[in-house]
Amino acid sequence: MKPLNYAVLKYFTTVPDACIQDVMEALKDEYGDFKAFQQDQLISACMTAEANGLLEESRFELDNNNELRVYFRAHEEGAATINKYIIN
């Protein structure tokens, strides 16, 4: 099993874009018991990846509870870097 942050980054190479709720849904079976598997921790991980040029914000929307959802995507260069260093 790869570290949680690696799994998050790798997930973004498999989808056009995703919000934190999408990431949590996709990874909950494998990582749901991890202490760091919390929305604020995963938002921080994505923002760090964005600051490091691996991800970029792709869109925003309000959910049914009027909470903002920020979607991220791995652009071509970011996905190539992620896939170069994180194998499966």
N, C-alpha and C. Protein backbone atom coordinates (compact mmCIF):
# COMPACT_ATOMS: atom_id res chain seq x y z
N MET A 1 0.84 -1.17 0.00
CA MET A 1 0.00 0.00 0.00
C MET A 1 0.89 1.24 0.00
N LYS A 2 0.59 2.16 -0.87
CA LYS A 2 1.37 3.40 -0.95
C LYS A 2 0.90 4.40 0.09
N PRO A 3 1.72 5.37 0.46
CA PRO A 3 1.31 6.40 1.41
C PRO A 3 0.07 7.14 0.90
N LEU A 4 -0.73 7.65 1.82
CA LEU A 4 -1.99 8.31 1.48
C LEU A 4 -1.79 9.45 0.48
N ASN A 5 -0.82 10.31 0.71
CA ASN A 5 -0.61 11.44 -0.20
C ASN A 5 -0.25 10.96 -1.61
N TYR A 6 0.49 9.89 -1.71
CA TYR A 6 0.81 9.32 -3.02
C TYR A 6 -0.46 8.81 -3.68
N ALA A 7 -1.31 8.15 -2.92
CA ALA A 7 -2.57 7.63 -3.46
C ALA A 7 -3.46 8.77 -3.96
N VAL A 8 -3.47 9.87 -3.23
CA VAL A 8 -4.26 11.03 -3.65
C VAL A 8 -3.73 11.56 -4.97
N LEU A 9 -2.42 11.76 -5.06
CA LEU A 9 -1.84 12.26 -6.31
C LEU A 9 -2.11 11.31 -7.47
N LYS A 10 -1.90 10.03 -7.23
CA LYS A 10 -2.11 9.03 -8.29
C LYS A 10 -3.57 9.03 -8.75
N TYR A 11 -4.50 9.21 -7.81
CA TYR A 11 -5.92 9.26 -8.18
C TYR A 11 -6.18 10.36 -9.21
N PHE A 12 -5.54 11.51 -9.04
CA PHE A 12 -5.77 12.62 -9.97
C PHE A 12 -5.26 12.33 -11.38
N THR A 13 -4.42 11.33 -11.53
CA THR A 13 -3.97 10.96 -12.88
C THR A 13 -4.96 10.03 -13.57
N THR A 14 -6.00 9.61 -12.86
CA THR A 14 -6.97 8.66 -13.42
C THR A 14 -8.32 9.29 -13.74
N VAL A 15 -8.50 10.57 -13.39
CA VAL A 15 -9.78 11.26 -13.62
C VAL A 15 -9.53 12.62 -14.26
N PRO A 16 -10.52 13.14 -14.99
CA PRO A 16 -10.34 14.48 -15.58
C PRO A 16 -10.16 15.57 -14.53
N ASP A 17 -10.97 15.52 -13.48
CA ASP A 17 -10.81 16.39 -12.32
C ASP A 17 -11.64 15.81 -11.18
N ALA A 18 -11.40 16.30 -9.98
CA ALA A 18 -12.10 15.78 -8.81
C ALA A 18 -12.02 16.78 -7.67
N CYS A 19 -13.04 16.72 -6.80
CA CYS A 19 -13.01 17.49 -5.57
C CYS A 19 -12.59 16.56 -4.42
N ILE A 20 -12.39 17.12 -3.27
CA ILE A 20 -11.94 16.31 -2.13
C ILE A 20 -12.95 15.22 -1.80
N GLN A 21 -14.23 15.52 -1.91
CA GLN A 21 -15.24 14.51 -1.62
C GLN A 21 -15.13 13.33 -2.59
N ASP A 22 -14.80 13.59 -3.85
CA ASP A 22 -14.60 12.52 -4.84
C ASP A 22 -13.40 11.66 -4.44
N VAL A 23 -12.32 12.33 -4.04
CA VAL A 23 -11.11 11.62 -3.63
C VAL A 23 -11.41 10.73 -2.43
N MET A 24 -12.11 11.28 -1.45
CA MET A 24 -12.41 10.52 -0.24
C MET A 24 -13.29 9.31 -0.56
N GLU A 25 -14.24 9.49 -1.43
CA GLU A 25 -15.10 8.37 -1.82
C GLU A 25 -14.30 7.28 -2.52
N ALA A 26 -13.40 7.68 -3.39
CA ALA A 26 -12.60 6.71 -4.15
C ALA A 26 -11.61 5.95 -3.27
N LEU A 27 -11.08 6.59 -2.24
CA LEU A 27 -10.02 5.99 -1.44
C LEU A 27 -10.48 5.47 -0.08
N LYS A 28 -11.75 5.64 0.26
CA LYS A 28 -12.20 5.32 1.62
C LYS A 28 -12.04 3.85 1.99
N ASP A 29 -12.23 2.93 1.06
CA ASP A 29 -12.10 1.51 1.41
C ASP A 29 -10.68 1.16 1.83
N GLU A 30 -9.70 1.74 1.16
CA GLU A 30 -8.31 1.42 1.44
C GLU A 30 -7.69 2.29 2.54
N TYR A 31 -8.11 3.56 2.61
CA TYR A 31 -7.45 4.51 3.51
C TYR A 31 -8.38 5.09 4.57
N GLY A 32 -9.62 4.66 4.62
CA GLY A 32 -10.60 5.24 5.53
C GLY A 32 -10.22 5.19 7.00
N ASP A 33 -9.39 4.25 7.41
CA ASP A 33 -8.97 4.14 8.81
C ASP A 33 -7.73 4.96 9.15
N PHE A 34 -7.13 5.60 8.17
CA PHE A 34 -5.94 6.40 8.41
C PHE A 34 -6.32 7.67 9.18
N LYS A 35 -5.49 8.04 10.14
CA LYS A 35 -5.73 9.24 10.94
C LYS A 35 -5.79 10.49 10.05
N ALA A 36 -4.97 10.55 9.02
CA ALA A 36 -4.91 11.72 8.14
C ALA A 36 -6.01 11.72 7.08
N PHE A 37 -6.86 10.70 7.06
CA PHE A 37 -7.93 10.64 6.06
C PHE A 37 -9.10 11.50 6.53
N GLN A 38 -8.86 12.80 6.49
CA GLN A 38 -9.85 13.80 6.90
C GLN A 38 -9.88 14.89 5.84
N GLN A 39 -11.03 15.47 5.65
CA GLN A 39 -11.20 16.46 4.60
C GLN A 39 -10.17 17.57 4.66
N ASP A 40 -9.94 18.15 5.83
CA ASP A 40 -8.99 19.26 5.92
C ASP A 40 -7.56 18.82 5.59
N GLN A 41 -7.20 17.60 5.97
CA GLN A 41 -5.86 17.08 5.66
C GLN A 41 -5.69 16.87 4.16
N LEU A 42 -6.73 16.37 3.50
CA LEU A 42 -6.64 16.11 2.07
C LEU A 42 -6.68 17.41 1.27
N ILE A 43 -7.43 18.39 1.75
CA ILE A 43 -7.40 19.71 1.11
C ILE A 43 -5.99 20.28 1.18
N SER A 44 -5.37 20.16 2.33
CA SER A 44 -4.00 20.64 2.50
C SER A 44 -3.04 19.92 1.55
N ALA A 45 -3.21 18.61 1.41
CA ALA A 45 -2.35 17.84 0.50
C ALA A 45 -2.52 18.31 -0.95
N CYS A 46 -3.76 18.58 -1.35
CA CYS A 46 -4.00 19.04 -2.72
C CYS A 46 -3.46 20.45 -2.94
N MET A 47 -3.60 21.30 -1.95
CA MET A 47 -3.08 22.65 -2.08
C MET A 47 -1.55 22.66 -2.13
N THR A 48 -0.93 21.74 -1.40
CA THR A 48 0.53 21.61 -1.46
C THR A 48 0.95 21.11 -2.84
N ALA A 49 0.22 20.13 -3.36
CA ALA A 49 0.52 19.63 -4.70
C ALA A 49 0.33 20.72 -5.75
N GLU A 50 -0.67 21.57 -5.55
CA GLU A 50 -0.87 22.70 -6.47
C GLU A 50 0.29 23.68 -6.38
N ALA A 51 0.71 24.00 -5.18
CA ALA A 51 1.84 24.92 -4.99
C ALA A 51 3.12 24.37 -5.60
N ASN A 52 3.23 23.04 -5.64
CA ASN A 52 4.41 22.40 -6.22
C ASN A 52 4.26 22.10 -7.71
N GLY A 53 3.18 22.54 -8.31
CA GLY A 53 3.00 22.42 -9.75
C GLY A 53 2.51 21.07 -10.25
N LEU A 54 2.02 20.22 -9.36
CA LEU A 54 1.53 18.90 -9.78
C LEU A 54 0.05 18.91 -10.12
N LEU A 55 -0.71 19.73 -9.43
CA LEU A 55 -2.15 19.86 -9.66
C LEU A 55 -2.49 21.31 -9.93
N GLU A 56 -3.67 21.53 -10.50
CA GLU A 56 -4.18 22.88 -10.66
C GLU A 56 -5.68 22.87 -10.40
N GLU A 57 -6.21 23.99 -9.95
CA GLU A 57 -7.64 24.10 -9.76
C GLU A 57 -8.29 24.13 -11.14
N SER A 58 -9.38 23.36 -11.29
CA SER A 58 -10.03 23.31 -12.59
C SER A 58 -11.40 23.99 -12.60
N ARG A 59 -12.11 23.96 -11.47
CA ARG A 59 -13.42 24.61 -11.40
C ARG A 59 -13.89 24.65 -9.95
N PHE A 60 -14.98 25.37 -9.75
CA PHE A 60 -15.60 25.51 -8.44
C PHE A 60 -17.10 25.31 -8.61
N GLU A 61 -17.75 24.81 -7.58
CA GLU A 61 -19.21 24.76 -7.58
C GLU A 61 -19.71 24.66 -6.14
N LEU A 62 -20.97 25.01 -5.96
CA LEU A 62 -21.61 24.87 -4.66
C LEU A 62 -22.35 23.55 -4.63
N ASP A 63 -22.21 22.82 -3.51
CA ASP A 63 -22.94 21.56 -3.39
C ASP A 63 -24.36 21.84 -2.88
N ASN A 64 -25.12 20.80 -2.59
CA ASN A 64 -26.50 20.95 -2.14
C ASN A 64 -26.62 21.66 -0.79
N ASN A 65 -25.53 21.70 -0.03
CA ASN A 65 -25.52 22.38 1.27
C ASN A 65 -24.92 23.79 1.17
N ASN A 66 -24.79 24.27 -0.06
CA ASN A 66 -24.17 25.58 -0.32
C ASN A 66 -22.75 25.68 0.19
N GLU A 67 -22.03 24.56 0.19
CA GLU A 67 -20.61 24.56 0.53
C GLU A 67 -19.81 24.51 -0.76
N LEU A 68 -18.74 25.27 -0.78
CA LEU A 68 -17.90 25.35 -1.97
C LEU A 68 -17.11 24.07 -2.17
N ARG A 69 -17.14 23.56 -3.37
CA ARG A 69 -16.31 22.42 -3.75
C ARG A 69 -15.29 22.91 -4.78
N VAL A 70 -14.05 22.70 -4.46
CA VAL A 70 -12.96 23.08 -5.37
C VAL A 70 -12.49 21.82 -6.07
N TYR A 71 -12.45 21.85 -7.38
CA TYR A 71 -12.00 20.71 -8.17
C TYR A 71 -10.57 20.96 -8.63
N PHE A 72 -9.78 19.91 -8.54
CA PHE A 72 -8.39 19.95 -8.98
C PHE A 72 -8.22 18.97 -10.13
N ARG A 73 -7.18 19.19 -10.91
CA ARG A 73 -6.82 18.23 -11.96
C ARG A 73 -5.31 18.17 -12.08
N ALA A 74 -4.85 17.04 -12.55
CA ALA A 74 -3.42 16.89 -12.84
C ALA A 74 -3.24 17.24 -14.31
N HIS A 75 -2.65 18.39 -14.58
CA HIS A 75 -2.39 18.79 -15.96
C HIS A 75 -1.36 17.83 -16.57
N GLU A 76 -1.12 17.94 -17.84
CA GLU A 76 -0.28 16.97 -18.55
C GLU A 76 1.11 16.82 -17.92
N GLU A 77 1.77 17.92 -17.64
CA GLU A 77 3.11 17.87 -17.06
C GLU A 77 3.07 17.32 -15.63
N GLY A 78 2.07 17.75 -14.85
CA GLY A 78 1.92 17.27 -13.48
C GLY A 78 1.66 15.77 -13.44
N ALA A 79 0.77 15.30 -14.33
CA ALA A 79 0.46 13.86 -14.39
C ALA A 79 1.70 13.07 -14.79
N ALA A 80 2.48 13.60 -15.72
CA ALA A 80 3.70 12.91 -16.14
C ALA A 80 4.69 12.80 -14.98
N THR A 81 4.82 13.84 -14.20
CA THR A 81 5.72 13.82 -13.05
C THR A 81 5.22 12.84 -12.00
N ILE A 82 3.94 12.89 -11.70
CA ILE A 82 3.35 11.96 -10.72
C ILE A 82 3.59 10.53 -11.17
N ASN A 83 3.29 10.24 -12.42
CA ASN A 83 3.43 8.86 -12.93
C ASN A 83 4.88 8.43 -13.02
N LYS A 84 5.79 9.37 -13.16
CA LYS A 84 7.22 9.03 -13.21
C LYS A 84 7.72 8.55 -11.85
N TYR A 85 7.23 9.17 -10.78
CA TYR A 85 7.75 8.88 -9.45
C TYR A 85 6.87 7.96 -8.61
N ILE A 86 5.59 7.86 -8.96
CA ILE A 86 4.69 6.98 -8.20
C ILE A 86 4.18 5.91 -9.15
N ILE A 87 4.69 4.74 -8.99
CA ILE A 87 4.32 3.62 -9.85
C ILE A 87 3.14 2.89 -9.19
N ASN A 88 2.12 2.66 -9.99
CA ASN A 88 0.91 1.96 -9.52
C ASN A 88 0.64 2.27 -8.11
